[in-house]
Amino acid sequence: MADEPLQERIAARCLYLRTTLGTGGDLLNTCQHIVRDGMKCVGPFLDDAETDCGLWEYRPRLLPTVGQQTPR
């Protein structure tokens, strides 16, 4: 099922990851978990590499299914 957590613990799929642009246009990957709020995410950010962060939690994707309208 699409809403079930994936077996892989990839940082890019973490509920607490926030990616923003920093000064100079570089990407900043920060953690929004209460324990590490605002600190750099431990990563990694490779598609096939998992993170061992103990705070990792699956972020479900909110993609519309066929026939549904995207919220505005």
C-alpha atoms as a PDB file:
ATOM      1  CA  MET A   1       0.000   0.000   0.000  1.00  0.00           C
ATOM      2  CA  ALA A   2       1.291   3.507  -0.833  1.00  0.00           C
ATOM      3  CA  ASP A   3       0.710   4.909   2.680  1.00  0.00           C
ATOM      4  CA  GLU A   4       2.830   2.284   4.414  1.00  0.00           C
ATOM      5  CA  PRO A   5       6.358   3.204   5.520  1.00  0.00           C
ATOM      6  CA  LEU A   6       9.160   2.065   3.264  1.00  0.00           C
ATOM      7  CA  GLN A   7      11.728  -0.388   4.565  1.00  0.00           C
ATOM      8  CA  GLU A   8      14.534   2.017   3.660  1.00  0.00           C
ATOM      9  CA  ARG A   9      15.353   4.809   6.123  1.00  0.00           C
ATOM     10  CA  ILE A  10      16.512   7.430   3.626  1.00  0.00           C
ATOM     11  CA  ALA A  11      16.919  10.969   4.990  1.00  0.00           C
ATOM     12  CA  ALA A  12      15.099  12.480   2.013  1.00  0.00           C
ATOM     13  CA  ARG A  13      11.968  10.558   3.075  1.00  0.00           C
ATOM     14  CA  CYS A  14      12.110  11.702   6.711  1.00  0.00           C
ATOM     15  CA  LEU A  15       9.215  13.585   8.285  1.00  0.00           C
ATOM     16  CA  TYR A  16      11.590  16.020   9.990  1.00  0.00           C
ATOM     17  CA  LEU A  17      13.744  16.975   6.986  1.00  0.00           C
ATOM     18  CA  ARG A  18      13.435  20.544   5.737  1.00  0.00           C
ATOM     19  CA  THR A  19      15.396  21.581   2.654  1.00  0.00           C
ATOM     20  CA  THR A  20      15.802  25.305   2.030  1.00  0.00           C
ATOM     21  CA  LEU A  21      18.052  27.602   0.065  1.00  0.00           C
ATOM     22  CA  GLY A  22      20.863  29.238   1.979  1.00  0.00           C
ATOM     23  CA  THR A  23      22.854  32.310   1.150  1.00  0.00           C
ATOM     24  CA  GLY A  24      24.658  31.824  -2.135  1.00  0.00           C
ATOM     25  CA  GLY A  25      21.937  29.507  -3.444  1.00  0.00           C
ATOM     26  CA  ASP A  26      23.229  26.317  -1.799  1.00  0.00           C
ATOM     27  CA  LEU A  27      20.792  23.771  -0.319  1.00  0.00           C
ATOM     28  CA  LEU A  28      20.529  23.476   3.452  1.00  0.00           C
ATOM     29  CA  ASN A  29      19.168  20.221   4.865  1.00  0.00           C
ATOM     30  CA  THR A  30      18.003  20.818   8.425  1.00  0.00           C
ATOM     31  CA  CYS A  31      16.229  18.672  10.979  1.00  0.00           C
ATOM     32  CA  GLN A  32      12.965  19.937  12.485  1.00  0.00           C
ATOM     33  CA  HIS A  33      12.714  17.290  15.235  1.00  0.00           C
ATOM     34  CA  ILE A  34      12.403  18.891  18.683  1.00  0.00           C
ATOM     35  CA  VAL A  35      15.737  17.334  19.740  1.00  0.00           C
ATOM     36  CA  ARG A  36      17.740  18.637  16.746  1.00  0.00           C
ATOM     37  CA  ASP A  37      15.585  21.601  15.652  1.00  0.00           C
ATOM     38  CA  GLY A  38      17.471  23.717  13.115  1.00  0.00           C
ATOM     39  CA  MET A  39      20.604  21.557  13.146  1.00  0.00           C
ATOM     40  CA  LYS A  40      22.071  20.026   9.994  1.00  0.00           C
ATOM     41  CA  CYS A  41      20.411  16.751   8.982  1.00  0.00           C
ATOM     42  CA  VAL A  42      22.727  13.789   9.427  1.00  0.00           C
ATOM     43  CA  GLY A  43      21.844  12.420   5.947  1.00  0.00           C
ATOM     44  CA  PRO A  44      22.954  10.732   3.768  1.00  0.00           C
ATOM     45  CA  PHE A  45      21.152  12.030   0.719  1.00  0.00           C
ATOM     46  CA  LEU A  46      22.049   9.367  -1.824  1.00  0.00           C
ATOM     47  CA  ASP A  47      19.029   7.600  -3.289  1.00  0.00           C
ATOM     48  CA  ASP A  48      20.327   4.156  -2.390  1.00  0.00           C
ATOM     49  CA  ALA A  49      21.949   4.898   0.990  1.00  0.00           C
ATOM     50  CA  GLU A  50      20.119   4.745   4.286  1.00  0.00           C
ATOM     51  CA  THR A  51      20.587   6.990   7.310  1.00  0.00           C
ATOM     52  CA  ASP A  52      21.144   5.627  10.792  1.00  0.00           C
ATOM     53  CA  CYS A  53      19.537   8.670  12.447  1.00  0.00           C
ATOM     54  CA  GLY A  54      17.579   7.522  15.485  1.00  0.00           C
ATOM     55  CA  LEU A  55      15.011  10.291  14.969  1.00  0.00           C
ATOM     56  CA  TRP A  56      14.048   9.219  11.445  1.00  0.00           C
ATOM     57  CA  GLU A  57      10.315   8.914  10.868  1.00  0.00           C
ATOM     58  CA  TYR A  58       8.566   8.186   7.577  1.00  0.00           C
ATOM     59  CA  ARG A  59       6.998  11.160   5.782  1.00  0.00           C
ATOM     60  CA  PRO A  60       3.970  10.042   3.784  1.00  0.00           C
ATOM     61  CA  ARG A  61       3.690  11.667   0.392  1.00  0.00           C
ATOM     62  CA  LEU A  62       0.483  13.577  -0.166  1.00  0.00           C
ATOM     63  CA  LEU A  63       0.082  13.037  -3.881  1.00  0.00           C
ATOM     64  CA  PRO A  64      -3.399  13.221  -5.391  1.00  0.00           C
ATOM     65  CA  THR A  65      -4.730  10.039  -6.903  1.00  0.00           C
ATOM     66  CA  VAL A  66      -6.386   9.891 -10.306  1.00  0.00           C
ATOM     67  CA  GLY A  67      -9.698  11.761 -10.231  1.00  0.00           C
ATOM     68  CA  GLN A  68      -8.863  13.895  -7.176  1.00  0.00           C
ATOM     69  CA  GLN A  69      -8.188  17.590  -7.387  1.00  0.00           C
ATOM     70  CA  THR A  70      -5.038  19.079  -5.894  1.00  0.00           C
ATOM     71  CA  PRO A  71      -5.805  21.321  -2.865  1.00  0.00           C
ATOM     72  CA  ARG A  72      -5.108  25.027  -3.429  1.00  0.00           C
END
